[in-house]
Amino acid sequence: MNKNTDSFALSQNEFDLVFYELERQSNAVIDQTTSTESLVEQVNKCNLPAAYRNVLCVLCAEGARKRKHEDRIHEIMACCTNPGYSHLYNRWLSRLRSDL
């Protein structure tokens, strides 16, 4: 079974900074003018703590899928170190493909 290996525990000051940065980067994912290449670069250059970076990986992978660049999803998700998230995202993709 794939488990969630992440801990989101941070001090309040750290959390405020990290969450602000995650929100900023998440806004780029939903901005349709952001290219898939930018999403890949965003994940590769991300310096958030691992738990928050893993959330960003899933968001960016979904952003790539929404932009019809499924070939980049694997590259993005390869940066995700949480086996639980990887498993769930793969199940999500399987479900979407079976619904077509």
N, C-alpha and C. Protein backbone atom coordinates (compact mmCIF):
# COMPACT_ATOMS: atom_id res chain seq x y z
N MET A 1 0.83 -1.18 0.00
CA MET A 1 0.00 0.00 0.00
C MET A 1 0.88 1.25 0.00
N ASN A 2 0.51 2.22 -0.79
CA ASN A 2 1.25 3.47 -0.88
C ASN A 2 0.77 4.43 0.20
N LYS A 3 1.69 4.87 1.01
CA LYS A 3 1.35 5.73 2.15
C LYS A 3 1.75 7.17 1.90
N ASN A 4 1.04 8.04 2.60
CA ASN A 4 1.41 9.45 2.61
C ASN A 4 2.60 9.59 3.55
N THR A 5 3.73 9.98 3.01
CA THR A 5 4.96 10.07 3.80
C THR A 5 5.27 11.50 4.23
N ASP A 6 4.40 12.43 3.92
CA ASP A 6 4.68 13.84 4.17
C ASP A 6 4.16 14.34 5.51
N SER A 7 4.87 15.30 6.04
CA SER A 7 4.43 16.03 7.22
C SER A 7 4.39 17.51 6.84
N PHE A 8 3.29 18.14 7.15
CA PHE A 8 3.11 19.55 6.84
C PHE A 8 3.44 20.43 8.04
N ALA A 9 3.98 19.84 9.09
CA ALA A 9 4.26 20.57 10.33
C ALA A 9 5.35 21.62 10.11
N LEU A 10 5.01 22.84 10.42
CA LEU A 10 5.94 23.97 10.37
C LEU A 10 5.56 24.93 11.50
N SER A 11 6.49 25.77 11.88
CA SER A 11 6.13 26.83 12.82
C SER A 11 5.17 27.79 12.11
N GLN A 12 4.44 28.57 12.86
CA GLN A 12 3.47 29.49 12.26
C GLN A 12 4.14 30.44 11.27
N ASN A 13 5.31 30.96 11.63
CA ASN A 13 6.01 31.89 10.73
C ASN A 13 6.45 31.20 9.45
N GLU A 14 6.99 29.99 9.57
CA GLU A 14 7.40 29.23 8.39
C GLU A 14 6.19 28.90 7.52
N PHE A 15 5.11 28.46 8.17
CA PHE A 15 3.90 28.10 7.42
C PHE A 15 3.39 29.28 6.63
N ASP A 16 3.34 30.45 7.24
CA ASP A 16 2.84 31.63 6.55
C ASP A 16 3.64 31.91 5.28
N LEU A 17 4.95 31.80 5.37
CA LEU A 17 5.81 32.03 4.20
C LEU A 17 5.64 30.94 3.14
N VAL A 18 5.64 29.69 3.59
CA VAL A 18 5.53 28.56 2.67
C VAL A 18 4.17 28.55 2.00
N PHE A 19 3.11 28.79 2.77
CA PHE A 19 1.78 28.76 2.19
C PHE A 19 1.60 29.90 1.19
N TYR A 20 2.15 31.06 1.49
CA TYR A 20 2.08 32.19 0.54
C TYR A 20 2.75 31.79 -0.78
N GLU A 21 3.91 31.16 -0.69
CA GLU A 21 4.63 30.75 -1.90
C GLU A 21 3.88 29.66 -2.65
N LEU A 22 3.32 28.69 -1.93
CA LEU A 22 2.53 27.65 -2.58
C LEU A 22 1.31 28.26 -3.27
N GLU A 23 0.68 29.21 -2.64
CA GLU A 23 -0.47 29.88 -3.25
C GLU A 23 -0.04 30.62 -4.52
N ARG A 24 1.06 31.31 -4.45
CA ARG A 24 1.57 32.05 -5.62
C ARG A 24 1.84 31.10 -6.78
N GLN A 25 2.49 29.99 -6.48
CA GLN A 25 2.81 29.04 -7.54
C GLN A 25 1.56 28.32 -8.04
N SER A 26 0.60 28.09 -7.16
CA SER A 26 -0.66 27.47 -7.57
C SER A 26 -1.44 28.39 -8.51
N ASN A 27 -1.38 29.67 -8.26
CA ASN A 27 -2.06 30.62 -9.14
C ASN A 27 -1.49 30.57 -10.55
N ALA A 28 -0.20 30.30 -10.67
CA ALA A 28 0.40 30.17 -12.00
C ALA A 28 -0.14 28.93 -12.71
N VAL A 29 -0.44 27.88 -11.95
CA VAL A 29 -0.98 26.65 -12.55
C VAL A 29 -2.35 26.91 -13.16
N ILE A 30 -3.18 27.67 -12.49
CA ILE A 30 -4.53 27.89 -13.00
C ILE A 30 -4.60 29.02 -14.03
N ASP A 31 -3.53 29.77 -14.17
CA ASP A 31 -3.46 30.82 -15.19
C ASP A 31 -3.20 30.17 -16.54
N GLN A 32 -4.18 30.21 -17.42
CA GLN A 32 -4.08 29.52 -18.71
C GLN A 32 -2.97 30.09 -19.61
N THR A 33 -2.45 31.25 -19.29
CA THR A 33 -1.34 31.80 -20.08
C THR A 33 0.00 31.19 -19.68
N THR A 34 0.02 30.46 -18.57
CA THR A 34 1.25 29.79 -18.14
C THR A 34 1.44 28.54 -18.98
N SER A 35 2.59 28.40 -19.58
CA SER A 35 2.86 27.25 -20.44
C SER A 35 3.18 26.01 -19.62
N THR A 36 3.02 24.86 -20.24
CA THR A 36 3.39 23.61 -19.60
C THR A 36 4.87 23.59 -19.28
N GLU A 37 5.67 24.13 -20.17
CA GLU A 37 7.11 24.20 -19.92
C GLU A 37 7.40 25.00 -18.65
N SER A 38 6.65 26.06 -18.43
CA SER A 38 6.81 26.84 -17.20
C SER A 38 6.43 26.03 -15.97
N LEU A 39 5.42 25.18 -16.11
CA LEU A 39 5.02 24.33 -14.98
C LEU A 39 6.12 23.34 -14.64
N VAL A 40 6.73 22.75 -15.66
CA VAL A 40 7.84 21.82 -15.44
C VAL A 40 9.00 22.54 -14.76
N GLU A 41 9.32 23.71 -15.25
CA GLU A 41 10.40 24.51 -14.67
C GLU A 41 10.08 24.91 -13.23
N GLN A 42 8.84 25.23 -12.99
CA GLN A 42 8.39 25.63 -11.66
C GLN A 42 8.66 24.51 -10.64
N VAL A 43 8.34 23.28 -11.03
CA VAL A 43 8.58 22.14 -10.14
C VAL A 43 10.07 21.91 -9.97
N ASN A 44 10.81 21.97 -11.06
CA ASN A 44 12.25 21.71 -10.99
C ASN A 44 13.00 22.73 -10.14
N LYS A 45 12.52 23.96 -10.12
CA LYS A 45 13.20 25.02 -9.36
C LYS A 45 12.59 25.25 -7.98
N CYS A 46 11.57 24.50 -7.64
CA CYS A 46 10.84 24.70 -6.39
C CYS A 46 11.74 24.44 -5.18
N ASN A 47 11.71 25.35 -4.22
CA ASN A 47 12.50 25.16 -3.00
C ASN A 47 11.61 25.09 -1.76
N LEU A 48 10.34 24.74 -1.97
CA LEU A 48 9.44 24.54 -0.84
C LEU A 48 9.82 23.28 -0.09
N PRO A 49 9.44 23.16 1.18
CA PRO A 49 9.65 21.89 1.89
C PRO A 49 8.98 20.75 1.12
N ALA A 50 9.51 19.55 1.27
CA ALA A 50 9.09 18.40 0.46
C ALA A 50 7.58 18.19 0.44
N ALA A 51 6.92 18.29 1.56
CA ALA A 51 5.47 18.04 1.59
C ALA A 51 4.73 19.03 0.70
N TYR A 52 5.12 20.26 0.73
CA TYR A 52 4.46 21.30 -0.06
C TYR A 52 4.87 21.21 -1.53
N ARG A 53 6.11 20.81 -1.77
CA ARG A 53 6.58 20.61 -3.14
C ARG A 53 5.80 19.47 -3.79
N ASN A 54 5.51 18.44 -3.02
CA ASN A 54 4.74 17.31 -3.56
C ASN A 54 3.34 17.73 -3.95
N VAL A 55 2.72 18.59 -3.16
CA VAL A 55 1.40 19.12 -3.52
C VAL A 55 1.52 19.90 -4.83
N LEU A 56 2.55 20.72 -4.94
CA LEU A 56 2.77 21.48 -6.17
C LEU A 56 2.98 20.55 -7.37
N CYS A 57 3.67 19.45 -7.18
CA CYS A 57 3.86 18.48 -8.27
C CYS A 57 2.52 18.00 -8.81
N VAL A 58 1.62 17.63 -7.92
CA VAL A 58 0.31 17.14 -8.35
C VAL A 58 -0.45 18.25 -9.07
N LEU A 59 -0.41 19.45 -8.52
CA LEU A 59 -1.10 20.57 -9.17
C LEU A 59 -0.53 20.86 -10.56
N CYS A 60 0.78 20.85 -10.68
CA CYS A 60 1.41 21.12 -11.98
C CYS A 60 1.15 19.98 -12.97
N ALA A 61 1.14 18.74 -12.49
CA ALA A 61 0.83 17.62 -13.37
C ALA A 61 -0.59 17.76 -13.90
N GLU A 62 -1.50 18.14 -13.04
CA GLU A 62 -2.88 18.33 -13.48
C GLU A 62 -2.97 19.53 -14.44
N GLY A 63 -2.17 20.55 -14.18
CA GLY A 63 -2.12 21.69 -15.10
C GLY A 63 -1.63 21.27 -16.48
N ALA A 64 -0.64 20.39 -16.52
CA ALA A 64 -0.14 19.87 -17.81
C ALA A 64 -1.22 19.05 -18.50
N ARG A 65 -1.94 18.23 -17.73
CA ARG A 65 -3.01 17.43 -18.32
C ARG A 65 -4.11 18.33 -18.89
N LYS A 66 -4.48 19.34 -18.15
CA LYS A 66 -5.53 20.27 -18.62
C LYS A 66 -5.10 21.01 -19.88
N ARG A 67 -3.78 21.20 -20.04
CA ARG A 67 -3.25 21.88 -21.22
C ARG A 67 -3.00 20.90 -22.37
N LYS A 68 -3.42 19.66 -22.17
CA LYS A 68 -3.30 18.60 -23.19
C LYS A 68 -1.84 18.23 -23.46
N HIS A 69 -0.99 18.30 -22.44
CA HIS A 69 0.42 17.90 -22.55
C HIS A 69 0.68 16.73 -21.62
N GLU A 70 -0.04 15.63 -21.87
CA GLU A 70 0.09 14.46 -21.01
C GLU A 70 1.50 13.88 -21.03
N ASP A 71 2.26 14.16 -22.08
CA ASP A 71 3.63 13.67 -22.17
C ASP A 71 4.52 14.28 -21.08
N ARG A 72 4.12 15.40 -20.50
CA ARG A 72 4.94 16.05 -19.47
C ARG A 72 4.53 15.66 -18.05
N ILE A 73 3.39 14.98 -17.91
CA ILE A 73 2.90 14.60 -16.58
C ILE A 73 3.91 13.72 -15.86
N HIS A 74 4.44 12.71 -16.54
CA HIS A 74 5.39 11.79 -15.91
C HIS A 74 6.63 12.55 -15.44
N GLU A 75 7.09 13.46 -16.25
CA GLU A 75 8.27 14.26 -15.89
C GLU A 75 8.01 15.06 -14.61
N ILE A 76 6.84 15.65 -14.52
CA ILE A 76 6.49 16.44 -13.34
C ILE A 76 6.34 15.53 -12.12
N MET A 77 5.58 14.44 -12.28
CA MET A 77 5.33 13.56 -11.15
C MET A 77 6.58 12.80 -10.70
N ALA A 78 7.59 12.71 -11.54
CA ALA A 78 8.85 12.09 -11.13
C ALA A 78 9.51 12.89 -10.00
N CYS A 79 9.15 14.15 -9.88
CA CYS A 79 9.69 15.00 -8.82
C CYS A 79 8.93 14.83 -7.50
N CYS A 80 7.80 14.16 -7.54
CA CYS A 80 6.99 13.93 -6.34
C CYS A 80 7.57 12.76 -5.56
N THR A 81 7.93 13.00 -4.31
CA THR A 81 8.54 11.96 -3.49
C THR A 81 7.54 11.25 -2.59
N ASN A 82 6.27 11.59 -2.71
CA ASN A 82 5.24 10.99 -1.88
C ASN A 82 4.55 9.86 -2.67
N PRO A 83 4.81 8.59 -2.28
CA PRO A 83 4.21 7.49 -3.03
C PRO A 83 2.69 7.48 -2.99
N GLY A 84 2.11 7.98 -1.92
CA GLY A 84 0.65 8.05 -1.84
C GLY A 84 0.08 8.98 -2.88
N TYR A 85 0.67 10.15 -3.03
CA TYR A 85 0.21 11.12 -4.02
C TYR A 85 0.38 10.57 -5.44
N SER A 86 1.52 9.95 -5.68
CA SER A 86 1.78 9.38 -7.01
C SER A 86 0.74 8.32 -7.35
N HIS A 87 0.46 7.46 -6.40
CA HIS A 87 -0.54 6.42 -6.61
C HIS A 87 -1.92 7.02 -6.88
N LEU A 88 -2.32 7.97 -6.06
CA LEU A 88 -3.63 8.59 -6.23
C LEU A 88 -3.74 9.33 -7.56
N TYR A 89 -2.67 10.02 -7.95
CA TYR A 89 -2.72 10.74 -9.22
C TYR A 89 -2.80 9.77 -10.40
N ASN A 90 -2.07 8.67 -10.32
CA ASN A 90 -2.15 7.66 -11.39
C ASN A 90 -3.55 7.06 -11.46
N ARG A 91 -4.17 6.84 -10.32
CA ARG A 91 -5.55 6.34 -10.31
C ARG A 91 -6.49 7.37 -10.93
N TRP A 92 -6.28 8.64 -10.63
CA TRP A 92 -7.07 9.73 -11.21
C TRP A 92 -6.95 9.70 -12.74
N LEU A 93 -5.72 9.58 -13.24
CA LEU A 93 -5.52 9.53 -14.69
C LEU A 93 -6.20 8.31 -15.30
N SER A 94 -6.10 7.17 -14.64
CA SER A 94 -6.76 5.95 -15.14
C SER A 94 -8.27 6.14 -15.20
N ARG A 95 -8.81 6.75 -14.20
CA ARG A 95 -10.26 6.98 -14.19
C ARG A 95 -10.68 7.92 -15.31
N LEU A 96 -9.92 8.97 -15.51
CA LEU A 96 -10.24 9.91 -16.58
C LEU A 96 -10.18 9.23 -17.94
N ARG A 97 -9.17 8.41 -18.15
CA ARG A 97 -9.02 7.72 -19.44
C ARG A 97 -10.14 6.72 -19.66
N SER A 98 -10.59 6.07 -18.61
CA SER A 98 -11.67 5.08 -18.76
C SER A 98 -13.01 5.75 -18.99
N ASP A 99 -13.14 7.01 -18.59
CA ASP A 99 -14.38 7.75 -18.80
C ASP A 99 -14.52 8.30 -20.22
N LEU A 100 -13.45 8.23 -20.98
CA LEU A 100 -13.50 8.80 -22.36
C LEU A 100 -14.25 7.95 -23.31
